[in-house]
Amino acid sequence: MSGDEDRQCPPVGFRLPPDKSHALRPSLDRLQHLNASVTSAQKAAQYALRFRDMDEDLHSCILEQLERNNMNTRANIMYFIEHFLDMAQRDGHPDYIRMMQRDIIRVVDAVAPDDGSGAANVKVVRKVLQGLQGKGYLESQAVSQIEDVIKERETNVEDLGLASPNGDVEMADVPLSQTIPKSGRRGASHQLDKRQIEQRIEEDRERHKRERESIWAIPKAENAEMNRLWDETSDFGEDDDRLLTEELEDFQKEMEIQSSCHHHHGAANGNRH
C-alpha cells in the first residue's frame, strides 16, 4: 500500500490497521456529527490535536468527510476548521495550519461546488475565509482569488432556489418554499431534504444568536465598535419566529402538493398501460 493510499480516510465498515483504528474512527464520528455548537467543534479539534502524530491521516479525514457528506455537514466542517486552526496554533502545532493552507481550494470546492449544489454554503465559505485571513492563516491574495471564484458560483443561487436575489444569505434567511428541488435543475440531486433544511435553519439561528452574544464580550475600550455592530445586527424576535413558522407551513403545503401531483401522474401513466 502506498503512502497516499495509507492516508486515505477509511469508509464506514472498513477495518483499519490496529494502530490506526482506535484513532481515526472516533475522528470520523466527530466530523460526521458536528453541529452549530462551539462545544462539538472544540471536541473534534481536541481529538485531532491529541493524535497529532497522525496529522496527515486526520487532515485527509477532514477533506474526505467534506467531499462525502451532505451540504449541512460540509458547512459545519467549514466552521469547525476555523476553531481547529485556532486551537492548533495555541497548542503549537502549525502543521495542521500548513496543510489547510495547502488544500484550501479543495476545501472550498467541496463546501461550495461549482455545479451550484452548494450555493447555500457560499456565505459560509466567505465568512470563514475572512476569519482565517484576519487571523493570519491565509494570505489576503489567496482569499481575494477564491472570492472571485465563489462570486461566479453565486450566479447559480437563483437557479437552484437556495437564496434570495442578492445571493448573500444563509438558510435561516431563505423561505423554505424556495428550497424545494425543481426537477431538471442542475445539482438538484444534492439538494437538502426537508429535515436537513429545518436542521440548517436551526443551526444558522444558533450561530446568529452566538454572534450577537459575542458582541457584548468586547472590552469597554471598544464600545464604539460594539455599538456599531449591534446597530447593524437585528434582534431575533417574535416576528422572526412567526415568519419561520409560516415558511415551514408553506414548505409543508408545497411538499404535499408535489406528492399529490406525483401520485396522480403515476396513476395516469398506469391507466395508459
C-alpha atoms as a PDB file:
ATOM      1  CA  MET A   1       0.000   0.000   0.000  1.00  0.00           C
ATOM      2  CA  SER A   2       1.390   3.389  -0.988  1.00  0.00           C
ATOM      3  CA  GLY A   3       1.758   6.316   1.380  1.00  0.00           C
ATOM      4  CA  ASP A   4      -1.088   8.223  -0.310  1.00  0.00           C
ATOM      5  CA  GLU A   5      -3.451   5.258  -0.057  1.00  0.00           C
ATOM      6  CA  ASP A   6      -2.489   4.743   3.559  1.00  0.00           C
ATOM      7  CA  ARG A   7      -3.540   8.316   4.360  1.00  0.00           C
ATOM      8  CA  GLN A   8      -6.999   7.959   2.861  1.00  0.00           C
ATOM      9  CA  CYS A   9      -9.871   8.296   5.290  1.00  0.00           C
ATOM     10  CA  PRO A  10     -11.463   4.819   5.596  1.00  0.00           C
ATOM     11  CA  PRO A  11     -15.073   4.289   4.533  1.00  0.00           C
ATOM     12  CA  VAL A  12     -17.670   3.112   7.017  1.00  0.00           C
ATOM     13  CA  GLY A  13     -17.264  -0.622   7.621  1.00  0.00           C
ATOM     14  CA  PHE A  14     -13.619  -0.676   6.540  1.00  0.00           C
ATOM     15  CA  ARG A  15     -11.321  -2.314   9.085  1.00  0.00           C
ATOM     16  CA  LEU A  16      -8.407  -0.053   9.858  1.00  0.00           C
ATOM     17  CA  PRO A  17      -4.979  -1.368  10.836  1.00  0.00           C
ATOM     18  CA  PRO A  18      -4.884  -1.883  14.639  1.00  0.00           C
ATOM     19  CA  ASP A  19      -2.529   1.044  15.163  1.00  0.00           C
ATOM     20  CA  LYS A  20      -4.923   3.472  13.440  1.00  0.00           C
ATOM     21  CA  SER A  21      -8.421   2.153  14.064  1.00  0.00           C
ATOM     22  CA  HIS A  22      -8.549   3.471  17.623  1.00  0.00           C
ATOM     23  CA  ALA A  23      -7.685   6.965  16.430  1.00  0.00           C
ATOM     24  CA  LEU A  24      -9.345   7.560  13.080  1.00  0.00           C
ATOM     25  CA  ARG A  25     -12.756   6.008  13.725  1.00  0.00           C
ATOM     26  CA  PRO A  26     -13.722   8.424  16.545  1.00  0.00           C
ATOM     27  CA  SER A  27     -12.416  11.255  14.386  1.00  0.00           C
ATOM     28  CA  LEU A  28     -14.810  10.211  11.621  1.00  0.00           C
ATOM     29  CA  ASP A  29     -17.722  10.118  14.049  1.00  0.00           C
ATOM     30  CA  ARG A  30     -16.950  13.571  15.405  1.00  0.00           C
ATOM     31  CA  LEU A  31     -16.727  15.108  11.942  1.00  0.00           C
ATOM     32  CA  GLN A  32     -19.949  13.458  10.765  1.00  0.00           C
ATOM     33  CA  HIS A  33     -21.879  14.710  13.799  1.00  0.00           C
ATOM     34  CA  LEU A  34     -20.624  18.274  14.010  1.00  0.00           C
ATOM     35  CA  ASN A  35     -23.333  20.867  14.647  1.00  0.00           C
ATOM     36  CA  ALA A  36     -23.558  24.602  15.249  1.00  0.00           C
ATOM     37  CA  SER A  37     -22.320  24.416  18.846  1.00  0.00           C
ATOM     38  CA  VAL A  38     -18.813  25.524  19.719  1.00  0.00           C
ATOM     39  CA  THR A  39     -18.513  22.510  22.018  1.00  0.00           C
ATOM     40  CA  SER A  40     -18.817  19.976  19.203  1.00  0.00           C
ATOM     41  CA  ALA A  41     -16.160  21.806  17.178  1.00  0.00           C
ATOM     42  CA  GLN A  42     -13.832  22.051  20.158  1.00  0.00           C
ATOM     43  CA  LYS A  43     -14.153  18.350  20.983  1.00  0.00           C
ATOM     44  CA  ALA A  44     -13.350  17.358  17.417  1.00  0.00           C
ATOM     45  CA  ALA A  45     -10.374  19.728  17.385  1.00  0.00           C
ATOM     46  CA  GLN A  46      -9.095  18.462  20.732  1.00  0.00           C
ATOM     47  CA  TYR A  47      -9.219  14.929  19.436  1.00  0.00           C
ATOM     48  CA  ALA A  48      -7.234  15.781  16.300  1.00  0.00           C
ATOM     49  CA  LEU A  49      -4.610  17.568  18.387  1.00  0.00           C
ATOM     50  CA  ARG A  50      -4.401  14.639  20.769  1.00  0.00           C
ATOM     51  CA  PHE A  51      -3.304  12.416  17.887  1.00  0.00           C
ATOM     52  CA  ARG A  52      -1.035  14.947  16.224  1.00  0.00           C
ATOM     53  CA  ASP A  53       1.402  12.184  15.278  1.00  0.00           C
ATOM     54  CA  MET A  54      -1.245  11.132  12.747  1.00  0.00           C
ATOM     55  CA  ASP A  55      -1.851  14.653  11.490  1.00  0.00           C
ATOM     56  CA  GLU A  56      -1.667  13.748   7.782  1.00  0.00           C
ATOM     57  CA  ASP A  57      -4.221  10.959   8.229  1.00  0.00           C
ATOM     58  CA  LEU A  58      -6.585  13.133  10.240  1.00  0.00           C
ATOM     59  CA  HIS A  59      -6.234  16.005   7.781  1.00  0.00           C
ATOM     60  CA  SER A  60      -7.151  13.589   4.981  1.00  0.00           C
ATOM     61  CA  CYS A  61     -10.208  12.559   7.005  1.00  0.00           C
ATOM     62  CA  ILE A  62     -11.348  16.178   7.185  1.00  0.00           C
ATOM     63  CA  LEU A  63     -11.017  16.586   3.421  1.00  0.00           C
ATOM     64  CA  GLU A  64     -12.777  13.349   2.563  1.00  0.00           C
ATOM     65  CA  GLN A  65     -15.614  13.934   5.012  1.00  0.00           C
ATOM     66  CA  LEU A  66     -16.113  17.308   3.335  1.00  0.00           C
ATOM     67  CA  GLU A  67     -16.482  15.559  -0.003  1.00  0.00           C
ATOM     68  CA  ARG A  68     -18.723  12.714   1.208  1.00  0.00           C
ATOM     69  CA  ASN A  69     -21.347  14.310   3.409  1.00  0.00           C
ATOM     70  CA  ASN A  70     -24.441  16.426   2.781  1.00  0.00           C
ATOM     71  CA  MET A  71     -24.195  20.190   2.446  1.00  0.00           C
ATOM     72  CA  ASN A  72     -25.203  20.793   6.073  1.00  0.00           C
ATOM     73  CA  THR A  73     -22.323  18.703   7.374  1.00  0.00           C
ATOM     74  CA  ARG A  74     -19.936  20.341   4.920  1.00  0.00           C
ATOM     75  CA  ALA A  75     -20.936  23.772   6.237  1.00  0.00           C
ATOM     76  CA  ASN A  76     -20.426  22.618   9.827  1.00  0.00           C
ATOM     77  CA  ILE A  77     -16.981  21.240   8.988  1.00  0.00           C
ATOM     78  CA  MET A  78     -16.112  24.553   7.320  1.00  0.00           C
ATOM     79  CA  TYR A  79     -16.968  26.417  10.531  1.00  0.00           C
ATOM     80  CA  PHE A  80     -15.058  23.772  12.502  1.00  0.00           C
ATOM     81  CA  ILE A  81     -11.884  24.461  10.514  1.00  0.00           C
ATOM     82  CA  GLU A  82     -11.526  27.953  11.986  1.00  0.00           C
ATOM     83  CA  HIS A  83     -11.885  26.647  15.562  1.00  0.00           C
ATOM     84  CA  PHE A  84      -9.473  23.845  14.726  1.00  0.00           C
ATOM     85  CA  LEU A  85      -6.736  26.125  13.413  1.00  0.00           C
ATOM     86  CA  ASP A  86      -7.136  28.439  16.417  1.00  0.00           C
ATOM     87  CA  MET A  87      -6.539  25.516  18.770  1.00  0.00           C
ATOM     88  CA  ALA A  88      -3.702  24.136  16.639  1.00  0.00           C
ATOM     89  CA  GLN A  89      -1.932  27.492  16.818  1.00  0.00           C
ATOM     90  CA  ARG A  90      -2.412  27.777  20.585  1.00  0.00           C
ATOM     91  CA  ASP A  91      -1.229  24.191  21.006  1.00  0.00           C
ATOM     92  CA  GLY A  92       1.914  24.800  18.973  1.00  0.00           C
ATOM     93  CA  HIS A  93       1.092  22.503  16.057  1.00  0.00           C
ATOM     94  CA  PRO A  94       1.473  24.583  12.879  1.00  0.00           C
ATOM     95  CA  ASP A  95       1.456  21.538  10.584  1.00  0.00           C
ATOM     96  CA  TYR A  96      -2.360  21.470  10.623  1.00  0.00           C
ATOM     97  CA  ILE A  97      -2.369  25.127   9.566  1.00  0.00           C
ATOM     98  CA  ARG A  98       0.164  24.449   6.809  1.00  0.00           C
ATOM     99  CA  MET A  99      -1.868  21.534   5.432  1.00  0.00           C
ATOM    100  CA  MET A 100      -5.070  23.559   5.452  1.00  0.00           C
ATOM    101  CA  GLN A 101      -3.334  26.400   3.618  1.00  0.00           C
ATOM    102  CA  ARG A 102      -2.149  23.884   1.037  1.00  0.00           C
ATOM    103  CA  ASP A 103      -5.599  22.346   0.492  1.00  0.00           C
ATOM    104  CA  ILE A 104      -7.889  25.345   0.971  1.00  0.00           C
ATOM    105  CA  ILE A 105      -9.016  25.242  -2.687  1.00  0.00           C
ATOM    106  CA  ARG A 106     -10.101  21.623  -2.273  1.00  0.00           C
ATOM    107  CA  VAL A 107     -11.997  22.613   0.866  1.00  0.00           C
ATOM    108  CA  VAL A 108     -13.833  25.437  -0.905  1.00  0.00           C
ATOM    109  CA  ASP A 109     -14.668  23.208  -3.875  1.00  0.00           C
ATOM    110  CA  ALA A 110     -16.220  20.666  -1.510  1.00  0.00           C
ATOM    111  CA  VAL A 111     -18.261  23.122   0.562  1.00  0.00           C
ATOM    112  CA  ALA A 112     -19.482  25.246  -2.364  1.00  0.00           C
ATOM    113  CA  PRO A 113     -19.079  23.137  -5.541  1.00  0.00           C
ATOM    114  CA  ASP A 114     -19.057  24.776  -8.945  1.00  0.00           C
ATOM    115  CA  ASP A 115     -22.141  22.779 -10.011  1.00  0.00           C
ATOM    116  CA  GLY A 116     -24.270  25.036  -7.808  1.00  0.00           C
ATOM    117  CA  SER A 117     -25.309  22.288  -5.387  1.00  0.00           C
ATOM    118  CA  GLY A 118     -23.670  24.152  -2.502  1.00  0.00           C
ATOM    119  CA  ALA A 119     -24.968  27.617  -3.359  1.00  0.00           C
ATOM    120  CA  ALA A 120     -26.395  27.995   0.148  1.00  0.00           C
ATOM    121  CA  ASN A 121     -22.879  27.491   1.516  1.00  0.00           C
ATOM    122  CA  VAL A 122     -21.254  30.360  -0.371  1.00  0.00           C
ATOM    123  CA  LYS A 123     -21.762  32.759   2.520  1.00  0.00           C
ATOM    124  CA  VAL A 124     -20.363  30.164   4.928  1.00  0.00           C
ATOM    125  CA  VAL A 125     -17.210  29.880   2.824  1.00  0.00           C
ATOM    126  CA  ARG A 126     -16.859  33.653   2.592  1.00  0.00           C
ATOM    127  CA  LYS A 127     -17.305  34.180   6.332  1.00  0.00           C
ATOM    128  CA  VAL A 128     -14.797  31.501   7.327  1.00  0.00           C
ATOM    129  CA  LEU A 129     -12.221  32.630   4.761  1.00  0.00           C
ATOM    130  CA  GLN A 130     -12.448  36.183   6.070  1.00  0.00           C
ATOM    131  CA  GLY A 131     -11.908  34.868   9.579  1.00  0.00           C
ATOM    132  CA  LEU A 132      -8.894  32.806   8.504  1.00  0.00           C
ATOM    133  CA  GLN A 133      -7.421  35.801   6.697  1.00  0.00           C
ATOM    134  CA  GLY A 134      -7.965  38.094   9.669  1.00  0.00           C
ATOM    135  CA  LYS A 135      -6.084  35.672  11.916  1.00  0.00           C
ATOM    136  CA  GLY A 136      -3.204  35.315   9.502  1.00  0.00           C
ATOM    137  CA  TYR A 137      -3.883  31.716   8.485  1.00  0.00           C
ATOM    138  CA  LEU A 138      -4.474  32.683   4.847  1.00  0.00           C
ATOM    139  CA  GLU A 139      -2.892  35.404   2.729  1.00  0.00           C
ATOM    140  CA  SER A 140      -5.157  38.179   1.518  1.00  0.00           C
ATOM    141  CA  GLN A 141      -4.213  37.491  -2.102  1.00  0.00           C
ATOM    142  CA  ALA A 142      -5.327  33.867  -1.825  1.00  0.00           C
ATOM    143  CA  VAL A 143      -8.625  34.858  -0.227  1.00  0.00           C
ATOM    144  CA  SER A 144      -9.196  37.505  -2.896  1.00  0.00           C
ATOM    145  CA  GLN A 145      -8.654  34.958  -5.663  1.00  0.00           C
ATOM    146  CA  ILE A 146     -11.039  32.496  -4.034  1.00  0.00           C
ATOM    147  CA  GLU A 147     -13.608  35.269  -3.608  1.00  0.00           C
ATOM    148  CA  ASP A 148     -13.535  35.876  -7.363  1.00  0.00           C
ATOM    149  CA  VAL A 149     -14.327  32.200  -7.898  1.00  0.00           C
ATOM    150  CA  ILE A 150     -17.173  31.887  -5.403  1.00  0.00           C
ATOM    151  CA  LYS A 151     -18.779  35.063  -6.757  1.00  0.00           C
ATOM    152  CA  GLU A 152     -19.268  33.172 -10.000  1.00  0.00           C
ATOM    153  CA  ARG A 153     -20.800  30.288  -8.076  1.00  0.00           C
ATOM    154  CA  GLU A 154     -23.353  32.649  -6.586  1.00  0.00           C
ATOM    155  CA  THR A 155     -24.802  33.081 -10.069  1.00  0.00           C
ATOM    156  CA  ASN A 156     -26.317  29.625  -9.650  1.00  0.00           C
ATOM    157  CA  VAL A 157     -28.190  30.525  -6.488  1.00  0.00           C
ATOM    158  CA  GLU A 158     -31.426  31.708  -8.078  1.00  0.00           C
ATOM    159  CA  ASP A 159     -31.487  28.755 -10.475  1.00  0.00           C
ATOM    160  CA  LEU A 160     -31.355  26.368  -7.548  1.00  0.00           C
ATOM    161  CA  GLY A 161     -33.866  28.250  -5.387  1.00  0.00           C
ATOM    162  CA  LEU A 162     -31.479  28.338  -2.453  1.00  0.00           C
ATOM    163  CA  ALA A 163     -31.142  32.021  -1.725  1.00  0.00           C
ATOM    164  CA  SER A 164     -32.560  35.472  -2.256  1.00  0.00           C
ATOM    165  CA  PRO A 165     -31.651  37.554  -5.338  1.00  0.00           C
ATOM    166  CA  ASN A 166     -28.660  39.162  -3.647  1.00  0.00           C
ATOM    167  CA  GLY A 167     -27.136  35.708  -3.208  1.00  0.00           C
ATOM    168  CA  ASP A 168     -25.578  36.511   0.170  1.00  0.00           C
ATOM    169  CA  VAL A 169     -27.837  34.874   2.706  1.00  0.00           C
ATOM    170  CA  GLU A 170     -27.849  31.889   4.996  1.00  0.00           C
ATOM    171  CA  MET A 171     -30.539  29.241   5.180  1.00  0.00           C
ATOM    172  CA  ALA A 172     -32.184  30.996   8.123  1.00  0.00           C
ATOM    173  CA  ASP A 173     -32.901  33.895   5.771  1.00  0.00           C
ATOM    174  CA  VAL A 174     -34.357  31.749   2.971  1.00  0.00           C
ATOM    175  CA  PRO A 175     -38.097  30.960   2.744  1.00  0.00           C
ATOM    176  CA  LEU A 176     -38.478  27.211   2.962  1.00  0.00           C
ATOM    177  CA  SER A 177     -40.671  27.290  -0.141  1.00  0.00           C
ATOM    178  CA  GLN A 178     -37.592  28.379  -2.119  1.00  0.00           C
ATOM    179  CA  THR A 179     -35.503  25.396  -1.067  1.00  0.00           C
ATOM    180  CA  ILE A 180     -37.592  22.701  -2.742  1.00  0.00           C
ATOM    181  CA  PRO A 181     -35.666  20.967  -5.533  1.00  0.00           C
ATOM    182  CA  LYS A 182     -37.041  21.540  -9.016  1.00  0.00           C
ATOM    183  CA  SER A 183     -36.817  18.672 -11.482  1.00  0.00           C
ATOM    184  CA  GLY A 184     -34.212  19.120 -14.177  1.00  0.00           C
ATOM    185  CA  ARG A 185     -32.240  21.734 -12.287  1.00  0.00           C
ATOM    186  CA  ARG A 186     -28.505  21.361 -12.240  1.00  0.00           C
ATOM    187  CA  GLY A 187     -27.287  19.964  -8.932  1.00  0.00           C
ATOM    188  CA  ALA A 188     -30.803  19.025  -7.799  1.00  0.00           C
ATOM    189  CA  SER A 189     -29.601  15.592  -6.704  1.00  0.00           C
ATOM    190  CA  HIS A 190     -27.525  17.304  -3.984  1.00  0.00           C
ATOM    191  CA  GLN A 191     -30.423  19.347  -2.600  1.00  0.00           C
ATOM    192  CA  LEU A 192     -31.213  19.146   1.094  1.00  0.00           C
ATOM    193  CA  ASP A 193     -34.301  17.248   2.131  1.00  0.00           C
ATOM    194  CA  LYS A 194     -36.938  18.728   4.424  1.00  0.00           C
ATOM    195  CA  ARG A 195     -35.309  17.517   7.648  1.00  0.00           C
ATOM    196  CA  GLN A 196     -31.903  18.823   6.595  1.00  0.00           C
ATOM    197  CA  ILE A 197     -33.385  22.197   5.662  1.00  0.00           C
ATOM    198  CA  GLU A 198     -35.030  22.527   9.076  1.00  0.00           C
ATOM    199  CA  GLN A 199     -31.781  21.473  10.760  1.00  0.00           C
ATOM    200  CA  ARG A 200     -29.802  24.025   8.769  1.00  0.00           C
ATOM    201  CA  ILE A 201     -32.196  26.826   9.698  1.00  0.00           C
ATOM    202  CA  GLU A 202     -31.889  25.964  13.390  1.00  0.00           C
ATOM    203  CA  GLU A 203     -28.101  25.816  13.181  1.00  0.00           C
ATOM    204  CA  ASP A 204     -27.898  29.170  11.403  1.00  0.00           C
ATOM    205  CA  ARG A 205     -30.156  30.672  14.072  1.00  0.00           C
ATOM    206  CA  GLU A 206     -27.869  29.273  16.761  1.00  0.00           C
ATOM    207  CA  ARG A 207     -24.824  30.822  15.094  1.00  0.00           C
ATOM    208  CA  HIS A 208     -26.579  34.179  14.723  1.00  0.00           C
ATOM    209  CA  LYS A 209     -27.513  34.101  18.401  1.00  0.00           C
ATOM    210  CA  ARG A 210     -23.952  33.296  19.420  1.00  0.00           C
ATOM    211  CA  GLU A 211     -22.586  36.092  17.236  1.00  0.00           C
ATOM    212  CA  ARG A 212     -24.903  38.600  18.907  1.00  0.00           C
ATOM    213  CA  GLU A 213     -23.900  37.366  22.348  1.00  0.00           C
ATOM    214  CA  SER A 214     -20.200  37.613  21.474  1.00  0.00           C
ATOM    215  CA  ILE A 215     -20.632  41.299  20.697  1.00  0.00           C
ATOM    216  CA  TRP A 216     -21.257  42.008  24.384  1.00  0.00           C
ATOM    217  CA  ALA A 217     -17.955  40.347  25.261  1.00  0.00           C
ATOM    218  CA  ILE A 218     -15.943  43.124  23.575  1.00  0.00           C
ATOM    219  CA  PRO A 219     -13.899  45.136  26.144  1.00  0.00           C
ATOM    220  CA  LYS A 220     -15.262  48.512  27.227  1.00  0.00           C
ATOM    221  CA  ALA A 221     -12.491  50.271  25.323  1.00  0.00           C
ATOM    222  CA  GLU A 222     -14.154  49.075  22.141  1.00  0.00           C
ATOM    223  CA  ASN A 223     -17.662  50.293  22.937  1.00  0.00           C
ATOM    224  CA  ALA A 224     -17.845  52.326  19.743  1.00  0.00           C
ATOM    225  CA  GLU A 225     -17.213  49.275  17.605  1.00  0.00           C
ATOM    226  CA  MET A 226     -19.635  47.231  19.700  1.00  0.00           C
ATOM    227  CA  ASN A 227     -22.379  49.803  19.285  1.00  0.00           C
ATOM    228  CA  ARG A 228     -21.827  49.950  15.542  1.00  0.00           C
ATOM    229  CA  LEU A 229     -22.017  46.175  15.177  1.00  0.00           C
ATOM    230  CA  TRP A 230     -25.039  45.930  17.448  1.00  0.00           C
ATOM    231  CA  ASP A 231     -26.892  48.574  15.452  1.00  0.00           C
ATOM    232  CA  GLU A 232     -26.249  46.543  12.319  1.00  0.00           C
ATOM    233  CA  THR A 233     -27.475  43.302  13.907  1.00  0.00           C
ATOM    234  CA  SER A 234     -31.226  42.964  14.316  1.00  0.00           C
ATOM    235  CA  ASP A 235     -32.738  41.072  17.237  1.00  0.00           C
ATOM    236  CA  PHE A 236     -34.365  37.712  16.632  1.00  0.00           C
ATOM    237  CA  GLY A 237     -37.844  38.279  17.976  1.00  0.00           C
ATOM    238  CA  GLU A 238     -41.438  37.116  17.731  1.00  0.00           C
ATOM    239  CA  ASP A 239     -41.756  38.342  14.145  1.00  0.00           C
ATOM    240  CA  ASP A 240     -38.835  36.167  13.098  1.00  0.00           C
ATOM    241  CA  ASP A 241     -40.357  33.137  14.827  1.00  0.00           C
ATOM    242  CA  ARG A 242     -43.672  33.822  13.130  1.00  0.00           C
ATOM    243  CA  LEU A 243     -42.046  34.127   9.707  1.00  0.00           C
ATOM    244  CA  LEU A 244     -40.140  30.887  10.155  1.00  0.00           C
ATOM    245  CA  THR A 245     -43.336  29.132  11.222  1.00  0.00           C
ATOM    246  CA  GLU A 246     -45.191  30.461   8.184  1.00  0.00           C
ATOM    247  CA  GLU A 247     -42.354  29.422   5.898  1.00  0.00           C
ATOM    248  CA  LEU A 248     -42.378  25.923   7.340  1.00  0.00           C
ATOM    249  CA  GLU A 249     -46.131  25.685   6.805  1.00  0.00           C
ATOM    250  CA  ASP A 250     -45.732  26.883   3.202  1.00  0.00           C
ATOM    251  CA  PHE A 251     -42.996  24.344   2.665  1.00  0.00           C
ATOM    252  CA  GLN A 252     -45.126  21.514   4.033  1.00  0.00           C
ATOM    253  CA  LYS A 253     -48.055  22.532   1.815  1.00  0.00           C
ATOM    254  CA  GLU A 254     -45.871  22.602  -1.278  1.00  0.00           C
ATOM    255  CA  MET A 255     -44.430  19.197  -0.404  1.00  0.00           C
ATOM    256  CA  GLU A 256     -47.972  17.818  -0.088  1.00  0.00           C
ATOM    257  CA  ILE A 257     -48.930  19.339  -3.448  1.00  0.00           C
ATOM    258  CA  GLN A 258     -45.858  17.877  -5.108  1.00  0.00           C
ATOM    259  CA  SER A 259     -46.536  14.484  -3.563  1.00  0.00           C
ATOM    260  CA  SER A 260     -50.131  14.620  -4.777  1.00  0.00           C
ATOM    261  CA  CYS A 261     -49.019  15.606  -8.288  1.00  0.00           C
ATOM    262  CA  HIS A 262     -46.583  12.718  -8.456  1.00  0.00           C
ATOM    263  CA  HIS A 263     -49.302  10.340  -7.265  1.00  0.00           C
ATOM    264  CA  HIS A 264     -51.817  11.484  -9.892  1.00  0.00           C
ATOM    265  CA  HIS A 265     -49.157  11.448 -12.592  1.00  0.00           C
ATOM    266  CA  GLY A 266     -48.221   7.876 -11.700  1.00  0.00           C
ATOM    267  CA  ALA A 267     -51.869   6.823 -11.693  1.00  0.00           C
ATOM    268  CA  ALA A 268     -52.414   8.417 -15.109  1.00  0.00           C
ATOM    269  CA  ASN A 269     -49.454   6.563 -16.548  1.00  0.00           C
ATOM    270  CA  GLY A 270     -50.787   3.324 -15.100  1.00  0.00           C
ATOM    271  CA  ASN A 271     -54.156   3.844 -16.796  1.00  0.00           C
ATOM    272  CA  ARG A 272     -52.478   4.146 -20.183  1.00  0.00           C
ATOM    273  CA  HIS A 273     -50.986   0.647 -19.964  1.00  0.00           C
END
